[in-house]
Amino acid sequence: MSTDSLRPELRCAVEAAQNKKAADVTLLDLGIGAFTDYFLLCTGFSTPHVQAIGDEIEKQLGQRGVRPGHREGYDTAQWVLLDFGSFIVHIFSERARNFYDLERLWRAAKRTDFRDPGPTAPAEAGPEGAGNAGNDTSAHRDARS
């Protein structure tokens, strides 16, 4: 699914997360009768990264007059929750995302995974790629000496 078919505020949140290099951006459509319509899930790789993703989502939606009614977890940044009423953004550290596994808990929800819109990298780096990275690092280190 492309972001074009989403409601504007959801599209904005997805794009803001992607702009900050959030990983595994996933939308769960919870359907009628749930306490919210959607969960937007994504992963950051450090405390500052998780916080930056949250800040960017709030900033971009705020420019459109959409503000969270509730926010929690920002200081520890293991699981940041931004409640926008009709959708809730969950920004996890890798460890917290794996532990809480909301995709499993809400497996009945319609799931949409979004790919990073930027350039694609090889899915798997073989031993050659790892060796080259090490050589590049040592060559760089030698050049500075």
Protein backbone atom coordinates (compact mmCIF):
# COMPACT_ATOMS: atom_id res chain seq x y z
CA MET A 1 0.00 0.00 0.00
CA SER A 2 1.28 3.45 -0.80
CA THR A 3 0.85 6.33 1.59
CA ASP A 4 -1.32 8.09 -1.04
CA SER A 5 -4.40 6.08 -0.03
CA LEU A 6 -4.12 6.97 3.67
CA ARG A 7 -5.94 9.69 5.55
CA PRO A 8 -3.78 12.85 5.44
CA GLU A 9 -2.78 12.75 9.11
CA LEU A 10 -1.73 9.09 8.89
CA ARG A 11 0.22 9.74 5.70
CA CYS A 12 1.96 12.66 7.42
CA ALA A 13 2.90 10.49 10.42
CA VAL A 14 4.22 7.66 8.23
CA GLU A 15 6.28 10.05 6.11
CA ALA A 16 7.64 11.86 9.19
CA ALA A 17 8.77 8.52 10.67
CA GLN A 18 10.35 7.52 7.37
CA ASN A 19 12.11 10.89 7.10
CA LYS A 20 13.80 10.15 10.43
CA LYS A 21 14.83 6.68 9.22
CA ALA A 22 12.43 4.74 11.45
CA ALA A 23 12.59 1.01 10.77
CA ASP A 24 9.72 -1.43 10.27
CA VAL A 25 6.99 1.17 9.83
CA THR A 26 3.71 -0.74 10.14
CA LEU A 27 0.08 0.36 10.22
CA LEU A 28 -2.52 -1.78 11.98
CA ASP A 29 -6.14 -1.05 11.06
CA LEU A 30 -7.96 -2.05 14.23
CA GLY A 31 -11.41 -1.75 12.68
CA ILE A 32 -14.73 -0.62 14.04
CA GLY A 33 -15.35 -0.99 17.75
CA ALA A 34 -11.76 -0.55 18.91
CA PHE A 35 -10.78 2.35 21.17
CA THR A 36 -8.83 3.84 18.24
CA ASP A 37 -8.88 3.24 14.49
CA TYR A 38 -5.17 2.64 13.85
CA PHE A 39 -1.85 1.85 15.47
CA LEU A 40 1.24 3.15 13.69
CA LEU A 41 4.28 1.18 14.83
CA CYS A 42 7.93 1.87 14.12
CA THR A 43 11.37 1.23 15.56
CA GLY A 44 14.31 3.48 16.47
CA PHE A 45 17.83 2.26 17.22
CA SER A 46 18.83 4.49 20.15
CA THR A 47 17.25 6.79 22.71
CA PRO A 48 17.95 9.92 20.63
CA HIS A 49 16.68 8.18 17.49
CA VAL A 50 13.38 7.14 19.13
CA GLN A 51 12.96 10.69 20.48
CA ALA A 52 13.80 12.27 17.11
CA ILE A 53 11.16 10.13 15.38
CA GLY A 54 8.56 11.22 17.94
CA ASP A 55 9.60 14.85 17.70
CA GLU A 56 9.34 14.80 13.89
CA ILE A 57 5.90 13.17 13.92
CA GLU A 58 4.65 15.74 16.44
CA LYS A 59 6.22 18.61 14.50
CA GLN A 60 4.81 17.59 11.12
CA LEU A 61 1.32 16.88 12.46
CA GLY A 62 1.44 20.03 14.61
CA GLN A 63 2.01 22.10 11.47
CA ARG A 64 -1.33 20.70 10.27
CA GLY A 65 -3.07 21.53 13.55
CA VAL A 66 -3.04 17.92 14.83
CA ARG A 67 -1.66 17.50 18.34
CA PRO A 68 -1.50 14.42 20.57
CA GLY A 69 -4.00 14.26 23.39
CA HIS A 70 -1.55 12.17 25.37
CA ARG A 71 2.15 11.39 25.20
CA GLU A 72 4.21 9.03 27.31
CA GLY A 73 7.54 7.26 27.45
CA TYR A 74 9.56 10.07 25.87
CA ASP A 75 12.23 10.34 28.58
CA THR A 76 13.17 6.66 28.66
CA ALA A 77 12.46 6.23 24.92
CA GLN A 78 11.96 2.49 25.07
CA TRP A 79 8.32 2.82 24.01
CA VAL A 80 7.06 6.28 23.10
CA LEU A 81 3.29 6.53 22.73
CA LEU A 82 1.61 9.47 20.97
CA ASP A 83 -2.19 9.34 21.18
CA PHE A 84 -3.85 11.35 18.41
CA GLY A 85 -7.34 10.01 19.17
CA SER A 86 -8.21 8.25 15.92
CA PHE A 87 -4.72 6.74 15.77
CA ILE A 88 -1.93 5.99 18.21
CA VAL A 89 1.75 6.08 17.28
CA HIS A 90 4.02 3.57 19.02
CA ILE A 91 7.75 4.20 18.62
CA PHE A 92 9.81 1.37 20.06
CA SER A 93 13.41 0.53 20.73
CA GLU A 94 14.28 -2.77 19.03
CA ARG A 95 14.21 -4.63 22.34
CA ALA A 96 10.82 -3.23 23.41
CA ARG A 97 9.26 -3.90 20.00
CA ASN A 98 10.30 -7.53 20.14
CA PHE A 99 9.20 -7.91 23.76
CA TYR A 100 5.73 -6.34 23.49
CA ASP A 101 5.07 -7.64 19.95
CA LEU A 102 1.90 -5.61 19.32
CA GLU A 103 1.62 -7.14 15.84
CA ARG A 104 1.03 -10.52 17.50
CA LEU A 105 -1.37 -9.15 20.11
CA TRP A 106 -3.40 -7.39 17.41
CA ARG A 107 -2.95 -10.07 14.74
CA ALA A 108 -6.62 -9.84 13.72
CA ALA A 109 -6.02 -6.25 12.55
CA LYS A 110 -5.37 -5.51 8.90
CA ARG A 111 -1.63 -4.97 8.62
CA THR A 112 0.24 -2.72 6.19
CA ASP A 113 4.04 -2.58 6.16
CA PHE A 114 5.73 0.42 4.58
CA ARG A 115 9.08 0.24 2.88
CA ASP A 116 11.61 3.00 3.21
CA PRO A 117 11.04 5.29 0.21
CA GLY A 118 14.79 5.98 -0.09
CA PRO A 119 17.37 4.03 -2.09
CA THR A 120 17.31 0.32 -1.43
CA ALA A 121 20.34 -1.43 -0.04
CA PRO A 122 21.17 -5.10 -0.53
CA ALA A 123 19.05 -7.22 1.78
CA GLU A 124 22.04 -9.14 3.04
CA ALA A 125 25.72 -8.31 3.10
CA GLY A 126 27.90 -11.31 2.48
CA PRO A 127 31.37 -11.92 3.90
CA GLU A 128 32.88 -9.75 1.16
CA GLY A 129 30.83 -6.74 2.30
CA ALA A 130 31.85 -7.24 5.91
CA GLY A 131 35.50 -7.60 4.96
CA ASN A 132 35.44 -4.49 2.81
CA ALA A 133 33.91 -2.46 5.62
CA GLY A 134 36.71 -3.51 7.95
CA ASN A 135 39.34 -2.65 5.35
CA ASP A 136 37.78 0.74 4.74
CA THR A 137 37.82 1.50 8.45
CA SER A 138 41.46 0.53 8.92
CA ALA A 139 42.48 2.38 5.77
CA HIS A 140 40.69 5.45 7.09
CA ARG A 141 42.39 5.04 10.46
CA ASP A 142 45.80 4.65 8.76
CA ALA A 143 45.22 7.77 6.68
CA ARG A 144 44.63 9.81 9.84
CA SER A 145 47.84 8.61 11.54
